[in-house]
Amino acid sequence: MNRSKAKRVVGILGGMGPEATILLQQRVLATVEATDDSDHLPLLIDMNPHVPSRIAHLIEQTGEDPGPCIGAMAQRLEAAGATALAMPCNTAHHYAQAVTSAVSIPFLNMVDLSVVKAASRMQPGQSIGFLASPAVQSAGVFDEALNKASMQAVWPEDGQRMLSIIREIKAKGPTAQARQTLGEAAHELTTKGATLLFVACSEFSLIARDLPKDFPIIDTVDVLADAIHDHTTANEVPL
């Protein structure tokens, strides 16, 4: 069935980090069965690698607040014609209010959407194991959504080890050491009673498909890609 061209376009708050933003583009691309360029979904992308460090602000408590910069990016994307916004950085969702208060268009909140998807697969009281930056844990990025869904969080014991492989991936790209460390963290979380694993760091999303396939996993970047697809195509009308 042919469909009219989508009139909606999602604006991407990107650059946190650049590879993760490109990965989101690839995942959005994969949501479409295309036979020609025009079948794909339009995106507006603000690729800004100069957003102040979320780690410096949340963990080291020495850096500039990224919120105003992220809010300004949101305003630029809305002015450019975006009909919704998305951000592929899990940690940056700590600053989601800076986005929503700056614009009048919807924000496709990757955190909330991912917890809703997990809740459809789990029973209340069960635990999600988080493969994420320690900043996600310390800032409580997922806490409100998990509480609403009556679900628990399980975290790796060594948060600094997780942070070190995030920095390694940012500096060197996916490495064998990063893959090994992420796999070991996944095993640790399953032994702690996690029913399902969240890949909740977009650097980890770059290597998530190398994780063992014998345990249920939700990659938050995949959830966001699906939400972008759904928003963009929601007003398409069969011809």
Foldseek 3Di string as FASTA:
>chain_A
DDWDQFPAEEEEAAPLPNVLVVVLVVLLQVVFPDPDPSRGGHYHYDNDVPQKDLCCCQPVVNIDDSLQVSLVSLVVVVVVPHQEYEYRFLLCLLNVVSNVVNDDHYYPRLLLLQLVVVLVVDDAAAEEEELAAVSCVSSVSNVVSCVVSNYHYDYQPDNVVSVVLLVVCVVPNDDPVSLVVSQVRVVVRVVVGHQEYEHNGSSVVSVVVVHDPPGHYDYSSSSVSVVSVCVRCVPMDHD
